Amino acid sequence: MEPLDQIRLSRRGVFRAGAAVGAGALGSGVLAAGTANAALPASPEFDLGASPHHLFGPKILAETHHAMQGFTFDDVNRRLFIIQAENGGSGSDLVINQVSASGAVLGSMTIKKAGHGVSIAAEPVGDVTYIWVECDTHRNDGDGRGTALARVQFKNIVRESIADEAKFFQGSDTITAAVDPVNKRLMVRRKENGSFYLSVWPLSKAREGKSADRLVHVKQPSYDRTFQGYTFYGQYAYLWYGDGQTNPDNINSTIRTVDLNTGEFTRGPAVTRAGASLTYREPEGMAIHRMDSGELALFFGFASRPSGGGDNRYANLYYKLLE
């Protein structure tokens, strides 16, 4: 079998190769807030009413009894990663699965005492993938949330701890990250003074710990639904809401769009019936990915359960194309 970092994936035109990103110095301090917003250039916006497409699912991941959470794509190396809690773990021990375009698990990395895994971000550096993931949970159980971000190379290993020099935003309250792979930007979502904020940096500045180069810092607008994930492309962030569906006639899985230059909702709320027949269909995770065809896709996930009951949990991915 080929080493994991040399596997190339292809299914239904999902994965597309691109130019490699050069390695930058890894900052070790807190990536602090900058002084002002720099408006993001105008960009296309996904039509939330566009027809959804199905990638895969239901599929069992490495941790058979835990729901999928966030996920991310490495477009350069044609890789997909999905995070979930570890079987038999503390509840905040997280497992990052590398998954094929058909949903087969190719390998996994465990990070102990990490958090919940609402969102992760992949950063390709040559043929290596680094994952931005929460770490240092504030409590070591299922209610734990990360207090810092780590940038770690994906490997098939168990990480009992994360080196201090790999951490950013130490001392945060409920922190996660997402990536715009097209414009090579990192978004950080975390609580500040009791409210969630969305902040954006160029990836090159984020990994070097360049705090003054923040492009965006806006308060996440409130919406009375359970928050389940987010991603962004250009000037727009996409927020994912909803609860576990037990009745296909009572679907509340909803996507909303935020203009990062204003901090206001634009499109939506848009309720999606993708995967409506899934049992206990719970929204989980979002990501942007450029398809093999060159089309840009907004991906969103659902966790589901066996129709006859049982402990197994399944992953399901759907997407909408930029029109």
C-alpha atoms as a PDB file:
ATOM      1  CA  MET A   1       0.000   0.000   0.000  1.00  0.00           C
ATOM      2  CA  GLU A   2       1.253   3.483  -0.850  1.00  0.00           C
ATOM      3  CA  PRO A   3       2.162   5.835   1.995  1.00  0.00           C
ATOM      4  CA  LEU A   4      -0.845   7.951   2.929  1.00  0.00           C
ATOM      5  CA  ASP A   5       0.734  11.200   1.859  1.00  0.00           C
ATOM      6  CA  GLN A   6       1.229   9.831  -1.668  1.00  0.00           C
ATOM      7  CA  ILE A   7      -2.297   8.547  -2.270  1.00  0.00           C
ATOM      8  CA  ARG A   8      -4.207  10.393  -4.991  1.00  0.00           C
ATOM      9  CA  LEU A   9      -7.978  10.205  -5.012  1.00  0.00           C
ATOM     10  CA  SER A  10     -10.567  10.517  -7.740  1.00  0.00           C
ATOM     11  CA  ARG A  11     -14.314   9.969  -7.677  1.00  0.00           C
ATOM     12  CA  ARG A  12     -16.966  11.677  -9.756  1.00  0.00           C
ATOM     13  CA  GLY A  13     -14.636  14.578 -10.435  1.00  0.00           C
ATOM     14  CA  VAL A  14     -14.430  15.553  -6.777  1.00  0.00           C
ATOM     15  CA  PHE A  15     -10.724  16.072  -6.190  1.00  0.00           C
ATOM     16  CA  ARG A  16      -8.716  18.530  -8.228  1.00  0.00           C
ATOM     17  CA  ALA A  17      -4.968  19.157  -8.097  1.00  0.00           C
ATOM     18  CA  GLY A  18      -3.651  22.702  -7.842  1.00  0.00           C
ATOM     19  CA  ALA A  19      -0.449  24.609  -7.276  1.00  0.00           C
ATOM     20  CA  ALA A  20       1.451  23.722  -4.126  1.00  0.00           C
ATOM     21  CA  VAL A  21       1.665  26.226  -1.294  1.00  0.00           C
ATOM     22  CA  GLY A  22       5.146  27.107  -0.121  1.00  0.00           C
ATOM     23  CA  ALA A  23       6.088  26.407   3.462  1.00  0.00           C
ATOM     24  CA  GLY A  24       6.237  29.338   5.833  1.00  0.00           C
ATOM     25  CA  ALA A  25       7.645  29.813   9.298  1.00  0.00           C
ATOM     26  CA  LEU A  26       5.392  28.524  12.060  1.00  0.00           C
ATOM     27  CA  GLY A  27       4.565  31.188  14.620  1.00  0.00           C
ATOM     28  CA  SER A  28       4.494  30.227  18.266  1.00  0.00           C
ATOM     29  CA  GLY A  29       2.701  33.101  19.945  1.00  0.00           C
ATOM     30  CA  VAL A  30      -0.919  34.184  20.164  1.00  0.00           C
ATOM     31  CA  LEU A  31      -2.300  35.357  16.826  1.00  0.00           C
ATOM     32  CA  ALA A  32      -3.799  38.466  18.365  1.00  0.00           C
ATOM     33  CA  ALA A  33      -6.484  40.704  16.910  1.00  0.00           C
ATOM     34  CA  GLY A  34      -5.420  43.402  14.481  1.00  0.00           C
ATOM     35  CA  THR A  35      -6.541  46.994  14.556  1.00  0.00           C
ATOM     36  CA  ALA A  36      -9.088  47.296  11.737  1.00  0.00           C
ATOM     37  CA  ASN A  37     -10.919  45.462   8.977  1.00  0.00           C
ATOM     38  CA  ALA A  38      -9.555  45.513   5.451  1.00  0.00           C
ATOM     39  CA  ALA A  39     -12.501  44.917   3.118  1.00  0.00           C
ATOM     40  CA  LEU A  40     -12.384  41.638   1.193  1.00  0.00           C
ATOM     41  CA  PRO A  41     -12.637  41.971  -2.618  1.00  0.00           C
ATOM     42  CA  ALA A  42     -16.038  41.326  -4.167  1.00  0.00           C
ATOM     43  CA  SER A  43     -16.633  37.641  -4.926  1.00  0.00           C
ATOM     44  CA  PRO A  44     -19.389  35.345  -6.248  1.00  0.00           C
ATOM     45  CA  GLU A  45     -21.961  34.024  -3.780  1.00  0.00           C
ATOM     46  CA  PHE A  46     -23.346  30.479  -3.684  1.00  0.00           C
ATOM     47  CA  ASP A  47     -27.048  30.157  -4.507  1.00  0.00           C
ATOM     48  CA  LEU A  48     -28.386  28.366  -1.453  1.00  0.00           C
ATOM     49  CA  GLY A  49     -31.422  27.292  -3.453  1.00  0.00           C
ATOM     50  CA  ALA A  50     -29.308  25.373  -5.985  1.00  0.00           C
ATOM     51  CA  SER A  51     -29.913  21.635  -6.284  1.00  0.00           C
ATOM     52  CA  PRO A  52     -27.791  19.511  -3.921  1.00  0.00           C
ATOM     53  CA  HIS A  53     -25.534  16.686  -5.095  1.00  0.00           C
ATOM     54  CA  HIS A  54     -24.617  13.558  -3.087  1.00  0.00           C
ATOM     55  CA  LEU A  55     -20.949  12.575  -2.693  1.00  0.00           C
ATOM     56  CA  PHE A  56     -21.180   9.591  -0.330  1.00  0.00           C
ATOM     57  CA  GLY A  57     -22.951   8.116   2.639  1.00  0.00           C
ATOM     58  CA  PRO A  58     -24.038   6.610   4.810  1.00  0.00           C
ATOM     59  CA  LYS A  59     -20.447   5.550   5.618  1.00  0.00           C
ATOM     60  CA  ILE A  60     -18.848   4.376   8.879  1.00  0.00           C
ATOM     61  CA  LEU A  61     -15.623   6.157   9.817  1.00  0.00           C
ATOM     62  CA  ALA A  62     -12.760   4.920  12.031  1.00  0.00           C
ATOM     63  CA  GLU A  63     -14.654   5.675  15.240  1.00  0.00           C
ATOM     64  CA  THR A  64     -17.784   3.635  14.602  1.00  0.00           C
ATOM     65  CA  HIS A  65     -19.883   4.908  17.504  1.00  0.00           C
ATOM     66  CA  HIS A  66     -19.377   8.662  17.155  1.00  0.00           C
ATOM     67  CA  ALA A  67     -20.919  11.137  14.741  1.00  0.00           C
ATOM     68  CA  MET A  68     -18.856  12.996  12.182  1.00  0.00           C
ATOM     69  CA  GLN A  69     -18.176  16.631  13.058  1.00  0.00           C
ATOM     70  CA  GLY A  70     -16.198  19.080  10.901  1.00  0.00           C
ATOM     71  CA  PHE A  71     -14.348  18.252   7.675  1.00  0.00           C
ATOM     72  CA  THR A  72     -11.941  19.885   5.236  1.00  0.00           C
ATOM     73  CA  PHE A  73     -10.295  19.330   1.832  1.00  0.00           C
ATOM     74  CA  ASP A  74      -6.654  19.573   0.770  1.00  0.00           C
ATOM     75  CA  ASP A  75      -7.223  20.466  -2.889  1.00  0.00           C
ATOM     76  CA  VAL A  76      -3.540  20.378  -3.783  1.00  0.00           C
ATOM     77  CA  ASN A  77      -2.953  16.786  -2.648  1.00  0.00           C
ATOM     78  CA  ARG A  78      -6.521  15.552  -3.288  1.00  0.00           C
ATOM     79  CA  ARG A  79      -7.331  14.663   0.304  1.00  0.00           C
ATOM     80  CA  LEU A  80     -10.426  14.818   2.471  1.00  0.00           C
ATOM     81  CA  PHE A  81     -10.371  14.821   6.285  1.00  0.00           C
ATOM     82  CA  ILE A  82     -13.305  14.303   8.670  1.00  0.00           C
ATOM     83  CA  ILE A  83     -13.077  14.678  12.454  1.00  0.00           C
ATOM     84  CA  GLN A  84     -15.027  12.835  15.152  1.00  0.00           C
ATOM     85  CA  ALA A  85     -14.733  11.842  18.820  1.00  0.00           C
ATOM     86  CA  GLU A  86     -12.692   8.752  19.695  1.00  0.00           C
ATOM     87  CA  ASN A  87     -14.399   5.477  20.606  1.00  0.00           C
ATOM     88  CA  GLY A  88     -13.858   4.922  24.326  1.00  0.00           C
ATOM     89  CA  GLY A  89     -12.183   8.298  24.701  1.00  0.00           C
ATOM     90  CA  SER A  90     -12.843  11.102  27.127  1.00  0.00           C
ATOM     91  CA  GLY A  91     -15.331  12.812  24.822  1.00  0.00           C
ATOM     92  CA  SER A  92     -12.851  15.531  23.906  1.00  0.00           C
ATOM     93  CA  ASP A  93     -10.288  13.132  22.379  1.00  0.00           C
ATOM     94  CA  LEU A  94     -10.643  13.686  18.620  1.00  0.00           C
ATOM     95  CA  VAL A  95      -9.800  11.508  15.622  1.00  0.00           C
ATOM     96  CA  ILE A  96      -9.076  13.037  12.205  1.00  0.00           C
ATOM     97  CA  ASN A  97      -9.877  10.533   9.438  1.00  0.00           C
ATOM     98  CA  GLN A  98      -8.362  10.749   5.977  1.00  0.00           C
ATOM     99  CA  VAL A  99     -11.206   9.599   3.746  1.00  0.00           C
ATOM    100  CA  SER A 100     -11.451   8.725   0.048  1.00  0.00           C
ATOM    101  CA  ALA A 101     -14.013  10.319  -2.252  1.00  0.00           C
ATOM    102  CA  SER A 102     -16.169   7.209  -1.799  1.00  0.00           C
ATOM    103  CA  GLY A 103     -16.021   7.439   2.009  1.00  0.00           C
ATOM    104  CA  ALA A 104     -13.384   4.754   2.690  1.00  0.00           C
ATOM    105  CA  VAL A 105     -11.095   5.492   5.657  1.00  0.00           C
ATOM    106  CA  LEU A 106      -7.444   5.649   4.526  1.00  0.00           C
ATOM    107  CA  GLY A 107      -5.879   6.491   7.878  1.00  0.00           C
ATOM    108  CA  SER A 108      -6.440   8.458  11.063  1.00  0.00           C
ATOM    109  CA  MET A 109      -4.727  10.696  13.609  1.00  0.00           C
ATOM    110  CA  THR A 110      -5.862  10.984  17.230  1.00  0.00           C
ATOM    111  CA  ILE A 111      -5.418  14.182  19.234  1.00  0.00           C
ATOM    112  CA  LYS A 112      -6.029  13.780  22.952  1.00  0.00           C
ATOM    113  CA  LYS A 113      -7.827  16.431  25.031  1.00  0.00           C
ATOM    114  CA  ALA A 114      -8.640  18.517  21.964  1.00  0.00           C
ATOM    115  CA  GLY A 115     -12.274  19.655  22.054  1.00  0.00           C
ATOM    116  CA  HIS A 116     -15.411  19.032  19.991  1.00  0.00           C
ATOM    117  CA  GLY A 117     -14.356  19.347  16.335  1.00  0.00           C
ATOM    118  CA  VAL A 118     -17.028  21.644  14.895  1.00  0.00           C
ATOM    119  CA  SER A 119     -14.608  22.744  12.160  1.00  0.00           C
ATOM    120  CA  ILE A 120     -11.064  22.015  10.953  1.00  0.00           C
ATOM    121  CA  ALA A 121      -8.916  23.511   8.177  1.00  0.00           C
ATOM    122  CA  ALA A 122      -6.415  21.847   5.836  1.00  0.00           C
ATOM    123  CA  GLU A 123      -3.290  23.651   4.657  1.00  0.00           C
ATOM    124  CA  PRO A 124      -1.184  21.933   1.952  1.00  0.00           C
ATOM    125  CA  VAL A 125       2.572  22.485   2.001  1.00  0.00           C
ATOM    126  CA  GLY A 126       4.074  20.552  -0.874  1.00  0.00           C
ATOM    127  CA  ASP A 127       2.924  16.945  -0.513  1.00  0.00           C
ATOM    128  CA  VAL A 128       2.238  17.360   3.222  1.00  0.00           C
ATOM    129  CA  THR A 129      -1.106  18.368   4.747  1.00  0.00           C
ATOM    130  CA  TYR A 130      -1.217  20.444   7.924  1.00  0.00           C
ATOM    131  CA  ILE A 131      -4.475  20.529   9.876  1.00  0.00           C
ATOM    132  CA  TRP A 132      -5.582  23.538  11.898  1.00  0.00           C
ATOM    133  CA  VAL A 133      -7.544  22.050  14.788  1.00  0.00           C
ATOM    134  CA  GLU A 134      -8.639  23.083  18.263  1.00  0.00           C
ATOM    135  CA  CYS A 135      -6.633  21.738  21.208  1.00  0.00           C
ATOM    136  CA  ASP A 136      -6.234  22.018  25.002  1.00  0.00           C
ATOM    137  CA  THR A 137      -9.902  21.464  25.840  1.00  0.00           C
ATOM    138  CA  HIS A 138     -11.273  23.472  28.761  1.00  0.00           C
ATOM    139  CA  ARG A 139     -12.753  20.251  30.233  1.00  0.00           C
ATOM    140  CA  ASN A 140     -11.921  16.679  29.335  1.00  0.00           C
ATOM    141  CA  ASP A 141     -15.374  15.321  28.506  1.00  0.00           C
ATOM    142  CA  GLY A 142     -18.030  15.531  25.809  1.00  0.00           C
ATOM    143  CA  ASP A 143     -18.744  19.169  26.651  1.00  0.00           C
ATOM    144  CA  GLY A 144     -15.108  20.185  26.240  1.00  0.00           C
ATOM    145  CA  ARG A 145     -14.149  22.907  23.757  1.00  0.00           C
ATOM    146  CA  GLY A 146     -10.707  23.954  22.540  1.00  0.00           C
ATOM    147  CA  THR A 147      -8.832  26.853  24.128  1.00  0.00           C
ATOM    148  CA  ALA A 148      -6.191  27.172  21.395  1.00  0.00           C
ATOM    149  CA  LEU A 149      -5.527  26.263  17.767  1.00  0.00           C
ATOM    150  CA  ALA A 150      -2.842  23.798  16.726  1.00  0.00           C
ATOM    151  CA  ARG A 151      -1.322  23.459  13.249  1.00  0.00           C
ATOM    152  CA  VAL A 152      -0.254  19.822  13.015  1.00  0.00           C
ATOM    153  CA  GLN A 153       1.043  17.656  10.202  1.00  0.00           C
ATOM    154  CA  PHE A 154      -1.378  14.834   9.436  1.00  0.00           C
ATOM    155  CA  LYS A 155       0.159  11.458  10.271  1.00  0.00           C
ATOM    156  CA  ASN A 156      -1.178   8.039  11.280  1.00  0.00           C
ATOM    157  CA  ILE A 157      -0.336   8.493  14.943  1.00  0.00           C
ATOM    158  CA  VAL A 158      -1.852   9.183  18.361  1.00  0.00           C
ATOM    159  CA  ARG A 159      -0.838  12.575  19.693  1.00  0.00           C
ATOM    160  CA  GLU A 160      -0.965  12.560  23.477  1.00  0.00           C
ATOM    161  CA  SER A 161      -0.039  16.238  23.497  1.00  0.00           C
ATOM    162  CA  ILE A 162       0.585  19.158  21.125  1.00  0.00           C
ATOM    163  CA  ALA A 163       3.899  21.011  21.282  1.00  0.00           C
ATOM    164  CA  ASP A 164       3.622  24.544  22.649  1.00  0.00           C
ATOM    165  CA  GLU A 165       5.292  26.033  19.578  1.00  0.00           C
ATOM    166  CA  ALA A 166       2.443  24.731  17.389  1.00  0.00           C
ATOM    167  CA  LYS A 167      -0.284  26.636  19.248  1.00  0.00           C
ATOM    168  CA  PHE A 168      -2.120  29.853  18.416  1.00  0.00           C
ATOM    169  CA  PHE A 169      -4.727  31.885  20.328  1.00  0.00           C
ATOM    170  CA  GLN A 170      -3.890  30.204  23.636  1.00  0.00           C
ATOM    171  CA  GLY A 171      -6.433  30.987  26.337  1.00  0.00           C
ATOM    172  CA  SER A 172      -9.353  31.252  23.918  1.00  0.00           C
ATOM    173  CA  ASP A 173     -12.935  30.276  24.652  1.00  0.00           C
ATOM    174  CA  THR A 174     -14.422  27.774  22.146  1.00  0.00           C
ATOM    175  CA  ILE A 175     -12.139  28.192  19.116  1.00  0.00           C
ATOM    176  CA  THR A 176     -12.130  26.513  15.684  1.00  0.00           C
ATOM    177  CA  ALA A 177     -10.854  27.257  12.166  1.00  0.00           C
ATOM    178  CA  ALA A 178     -11.935  27.017   8.513  1.00  0.00           C
ATOM    179  CA  VAL A 179     -10.104  27.631   5.244  1.00  0.00           C
ATOM    180  CA  ASP A 180     -10.809  29.370   1.935  1.00  0.00           C
ATOM    181  CA  PRO A 181      -8.582  27.189  -0.288  1.00  0.00           C
ATOM    182  CA  VAL A 182      -9.073  29.364  -3.360  1.00  0.00           C
ATOM    183  CA  ASN A 183      -7.906  32.635  -1.827  1.00  0.00           C
ATOM    184  CA  LYS A 184      -5.646  30.896   0.715  1.00  0.00           C
ATOM    185  CA  ARG A 185      -7.152  32.481   3.809  1.00  0.00           C
ATOM    186  CA  LEU A 186      -7.804  31.164   7.307  1.00  0.00           C
ATOM    187  CA  MET A 187     -10.927  31.961   9.323  1.00  0.00           C
ATOM    188  CA  VAL A 188     -10.919  31.730  13.111  1.00  0.00           C
ATOM    189  CA  ARG A 189     -14.224  31.491  14.996  1.00  0.00           C
ATOM    190  CA  ARG A 190     -14.076  32.027  18.730  1.00  0.00           C
ATOM    191  CA  LYS A 191     -15.889  33.650  21.620  1.00  0.00           C
ATOM    192  CA  GLU A 192     -14.875  37.149  22.629  1.00  0.00           C
ATOM    193  CA  ASN A 193     -16.653  38.765  25.582  1.00  0.00           C
ATOM    194  CA  GLY A 194     -19.381  36.142  25.390  1.00  0.00           C
ATOM    195  CA  SER A 195     -20.146  36.464  21.651  1.00  0.00           C
ATOM    196  CA  PHE A 196     -18.777  34.596  18.651  1.00  0.00           C
ATOM    197  CA  TYR A 197     -16.603  36.487  16.169  1.00  0.00           C
ATOM    198  CA  LEU A 198     -15.347  35.549  12.716  1.00  0.00           C
ATOM    199  CA  SER A 199     -11.821  36.716  11.874  1.00  0.00           C
ATOM    200  CA  VAL A 200      -9.838  36.190   8.652  1.00  0.00           C
ATOM    201  CA  TRP A 201      -6.107  36.220   7.902  1.00  0.00           C
ATOM    202  CA  PRO A 202      -4.063  35.321   4.833  1.00  0.00           C
ATOM    203  CA  LEU A 203      -2.822  31.775   5.493  1.00  0.00           C
ATOM    204  CA  SER A 204       0.776  32.870   5.037  1.00  0.00           C
ATOM    205  CA  LYS A 205       0.381  35.479   7.774  1.00  0.00           C
ATOM    206  CA  ALA A 206      -1.532  33.165  10.086  1.00  0.00           C
ATOM    207  CA  ARG A 207       1.117  30.452  10.077  1.00  0.00           C
ATOM    208  CA  GLU A 208       3.807  33.052  10.717  1.00  0.00           C
ATOM    209  CA  GLY A 209       1.838  34.503  13.636  1.00  0.00           C
ATOM    210  CA  LYS A 210       1.397  37.893  11.926  1.00  0.00           C
ATOM    211  CA  SER A 211      -1.280  39.360  14.167  1.00  0.00           C
ATOM    212  CA  ALA A 212      -1.463  42.778  12.516  1.00  0.00           C
ATOM    213  CA  ASP A 213      -2.485  41.391   9.124  1.00  0.00           C
ATOM    214  CA  ARG A 214      -6.070  40.526   9.987  1.00  0.00           C
ATOM    215  CA  LEU A 215      -8.434  41.170   7.076  1.00  0.00           C
ATOM    216  CA  VAL A 216     -11.810  40.754   8.779  1.00  0.00           C
ATOM    217  CA  HIS A 217     -13.198  40.767  12.314  1.00  0.00           C
ATOM    218  CA  VAL A 218     -16.997  40.681  12.554  1.00  0.00           C
ATOM    219  CA  LYS A 219     -19.468  39.507  15.157  1.00  0.00           C
ATOM    220  CA  GLN A 220     -21.374  36.418  14.057  1.00  0.00           C
ATOM    221  CA  PRO A 221     -25.019  37.497  13.650  1.00  0.00           C
ATOM    222  CA  SER A 222     -27.450  35.711  15.926  1.00  0.00           C
ATOM    223  CA  TYR A 223     -29.864  33.056  14.699  1.00  0.00           C
ATOM    224  CA  ASP A 224     -32.091  30.909  16.890  1.00  0.00           C
ATOM    225  CA  ARG A 225     -30.997  27.478  15.668  1.00  0.00           C
ATOM    226  CA  THR A 226     -28.341  24.988  16.793  1.00  0.00           C
ATOM    227  CA  PHE A 227     -24.995  25.950  15.186  1.00  0.00           C
ATOM    228  CA  GLN A 228     -23.329  23.009  13.410  1.00  0.00           C
ATOM    229  CA  GLY A 229     -20.537  24.280  11.175  1.00  0.00           C
ATOM    230  CA  TYR A 230     -19.208  26.966   8.841  1.00  0.00           C
ATOM    231  CA  THR A 231     -16.891  27.739   5.963  1.00  0.00           C
ATOM    232  CA  PHE A 232     -16.103  30.685   3.712  1.00  0.00           C
ATOM    233  CA  TYR A 233     -15.138  31.711   0.198  1.00  0.00           C
ATOM    234  CA  GLY A 234     -14.197  35.225  -0.842  1.00  0.00           C
ATOM    235  CA  GLN A 235     -16.268  37.814   1.018  1.00  0.00           C
ATOM    236  CA  TYR A 236     -18.950  35.353   2.178  1.00  0.00           C
ATOM    237  CA  ALA A 237     -19.166  32.960   5.118  1.00  0.00           C
ATOM    238  CA  TYR A 238     -21.670  30.087   5.131  1.00  0.00           C
ATOM    239  CA  LEU A 239     -23.168  29.016   8.458  1.00  0.00           C
ATOM    240  CA  TRP A 240     -24.804  25.617   9.042  1.00  0.00           C
ATOM    241  CA  TYR A 241     -27.648  25.107  11.530  1.00  0.00           C
ATOM    242  CA  GLY A 242     -30.082  22.408  12.614  1.00  0.00           C
ATOM    243  CA  ASP A 243     -30.910  19.543  14.946  1.00  0.00           C
ATOM    244  CA  GLY A 244     -31.080  15.776  14.613  1.00  0.00           C
ATOM    245  CA  GLN A 245     -34.021  14.968  12.359  1.00  0.00           C
ATOM    246  CA  THR A 246     -36.303  12.178  13.575  1.00  0.00           C
ATOM    247  CA  ASN A 247     -39.191  12.990  11.225  1.00  0.00           C
ATOM    248  CA  PRO A 248     -38.585  13.682   7.488  1.00  0.00           C
ATOM    249  CA  ASP A 249     -41.525  16.104   7.567  1.00  0.00           C
ATOM    250  CA  ASN A 250     -39.864  18.224  10.267  1.00  0.00           C
ATOM    251  CA  ILE A 251     -36.578  19.260   8.637  1.00  0.00           C
ATOM    252  CA  ASN A 252     -34.762  22.335   9.985  1.00  0.00           C
ATOM    253  CA  SER A 253     -31.301  21.938   8.396  1.00  0.00           C
ATOM    254  CA  THR A 254     -30.545  25.504   7.359  1.00  0.00           C
ATOM    255  CA  ILE A 255     -27.709  27.377   5.612  1.00  0.00           C
ATOM    256  CA  ARG A 256     -27.258  31.120   6.034  1.00  0.00           C
ATOM    257  CA  THR A 257     -24.800  33.460   4.313  1.00  0.00           C
ATOM    258  CA  VAL A 258     -22.890  36.295   6.006  1.00  0.00           C
ATOM    259  CA  ASP A 259     -21.202  39.121   4.108  1.00  0.00           C
ATOM    260  CA  LEU A 260     -17.864  39.384   5.904  1.00  0.00           C
ATOM    261  CA  ASN A 261     -17.500  43.020   4.863  1.00  0.00           C
ATOM    262  CA  THR A 262     -20.646  44.003   6.755  1.00  0.00           C
ATOM    263  CA  GLY A 263     -21.186  41.212   9.282  1.00  0.00           C
ATOM    264  CA  GLU A 264     -24.820  40.893   8.129  1.00  0.00           C
ATOM    265  CA  PHE A 265     -26.826  37.962   6.818  1.00  0.00           C
ATOM    266  CA  THR A 266     -27.453  38.102   3.063  1.00  0.00           C
ATOM    267  CA  ARG A 267     -29.119  35.012   1.605  1.00  0.00           C
ATOM    268  CA  GLY A 268     -31.179  32.559   3.570  1.00  0.00           C
ATOM    269  CA  PRO A 269     -32.301  31.099   5.719  1.00  0.00           C
ATOM    270  CA  ALA A 270     -32.319  28.259   3.166  1.00  0.00           C
ATOM    271  CA  VAL A 271     -33.654  24.917   4.388  1.00  0.00           C
ATOM    272  CA  THR A 272     -32.206  21.906   2.566  1.00  0.00           C
ATOM    273  CA  ARG A 273     -33.898  18.527   2.151  1.00  0.00           C
ATOM    274  CA  ALA A 274     -30.701  16.824   0.976  1.00  0.00           C
ATOM    275  CA  GLY A 275     -30.550  13.383   2.592  1.00  0.00           C
ATOM    276  CA  ALA A 276     -34.098  13.773   3.899  1.00  0.00           C
ATOM    277  CA  SER A 277     -34.556   9.999   4.290  1.00  0.00           C
ATOM    278  CA  LEU A 278     -31.564   9.583   6.622  1.00  0.00           C
ATOM    279  CA  THR A 279     -32.327   8.350  10.135  1.00  0.00           C
ATOM    280  CA  TYR A 280     -31.550  10.971  12.786  1.00  0.00           C
ATOM    281  CA  ARG A 281     -30.113  13.281  10.123  1.00  0.00           C
ATOM    282  CA  GLU A 282     -28.016  15.864  11.986  1.00  0.00           C
ATOM    283  CA  PRO A 283     -26.147  18.701  10.211  1.00  0.00           C
ATOM    284  CA  GLU A 284     -22.385  18.469  10.795  1.00  0.00           C
ATOM    285  CA  GLY A 285     -19.590  20.470   9.173  1.00  0.00           C
ATOM    286  CA  MET A 286     -19.014  22.542   6.018  1.00  0.00           C
ATOM    287  CA  ALA A 287     -16.126  23.081   3.589  1.00  0.00           C
ATOM    288  CA  ILE A 288     -15.229  24.670   0.244  1.00  0.00           C
ATOM    289  CA  HIS A 289     -13.682  22.491  -2.460  1.00  0.00           C
ATOM    290  CA  ARG A 290     -12.744  22.950  -6.117  1.00  0.00           C
ATOM    291  CA  MET A 291     -13.931  19.990  -8.172  1.00  0.00           C
ATOM    292  CA  ASP A 292     -11.911  18.181 -10.829  1.00  0.00           C
ATOM    293  CA  SER A 293     -14.060  19.955 -13.424  1.00  0.00           C
ATOM    294  CA  GLY A 294     -12.890  23.298 -12.042  1.00  0.00           C
ATOM    295  CA  GLU A 295     -16.272  24.079 -10.508  1.00  0.00           C
ATOM    296  CA  LEU A 296     -16.335  25.387  -6.964  1.00  0.00           C
ATOM    297  CA  ALA A 297     -18.485  23.506  -4.449  1.00  0.00           C
ATOM    298  CA  LEU A 298     -19.990  24.272  -1.064  1.00  0.00           C
ATOM    299  CA  PHE A 299     -19.974  20.999   0.902  1.00  0.00           C
ATOM    300  CA  PHE A 300     -22.126  20.243   3.935  1.00  0.00           C
ATOM    301  CA  GLY A 301     -22.366  17.092   6.033  1.00  0.00           C
ATOM    302  CA  PHE A 302     -24.892  15.038   7.962  1.00  0.00           C
ATOM    303  CA  ALA A 303     -24.389  12.461  10.682  1.00  0.00           C
ATOM    304  CA  SER A 304     -26.926   9.639  10.680  1.00  0.00           C
ATOM    305  CA  ARG A 305     -27.818   6.403  12.483  1.00  0.00           C
ATOM    306  CA  PRO A 306     -29.010   2.909  11.546  1.00  0.00           C
ATOM    307  CA  SER A 307     -32.717   2.797  10.774  1.00  0.00           C
ATOM    308  CA  GLY A 308     -33.192  -0.209  13.069  1.00  0.00           C
ATOM    309  CA  GLY A 309     -31.320   1.325  16.004  1.00  0.00           C
ATOM    310  CA  GLY A 310     -27.836   0.583  17.328  1.00  0.00           C
ATOM    311  CA  ASP A 311     -24.628   2.374  18.242  1.00  0.00           C
ATOM    312  CA  ASN A 312     -23.142   2.854  14.755  1.00  0.00           C
ATOM    313  CA  ARG A 313     -22.902   6.376  13.390  1.00  0.00           C
ATOM    314  CA  TYR A 314     -22.575   7.282   9.711  1.00  0.00           C
ATOM    315  CA  ALA A 315     -21.063  10.142   7.699  1.00  0.00           C
ATOM    316  CA  ASN A 316     -22.825  11.685   4.681  1.00  0.00           C
ATOM    317  CA  LEU A 317     -21.560  14.470   2.390  1.00  0.00           C
ATOM    318  CA  TYR A 318     -23.534  16.665  -0.018  1.00  0.00           C
ATOM    319  CA  TYR A 319     -22.627  19.774  -2.008  1.00  0.00           C
ATOM    320  CA  LYS A 320     -23.933  22.682  -4.078  1.00  0.00           C
ATOM    321  CA  LEU A 321     -22.045  24.081  -7.069  1.00  0.00           C
ATOM    322  CA  LEU A 322     -21.274  27.761  -7.630  1.00  0.00           C
ATOM    323  CA  GLU A 323     -23.445  28.815 -10.570  1.00  0.00           C
END
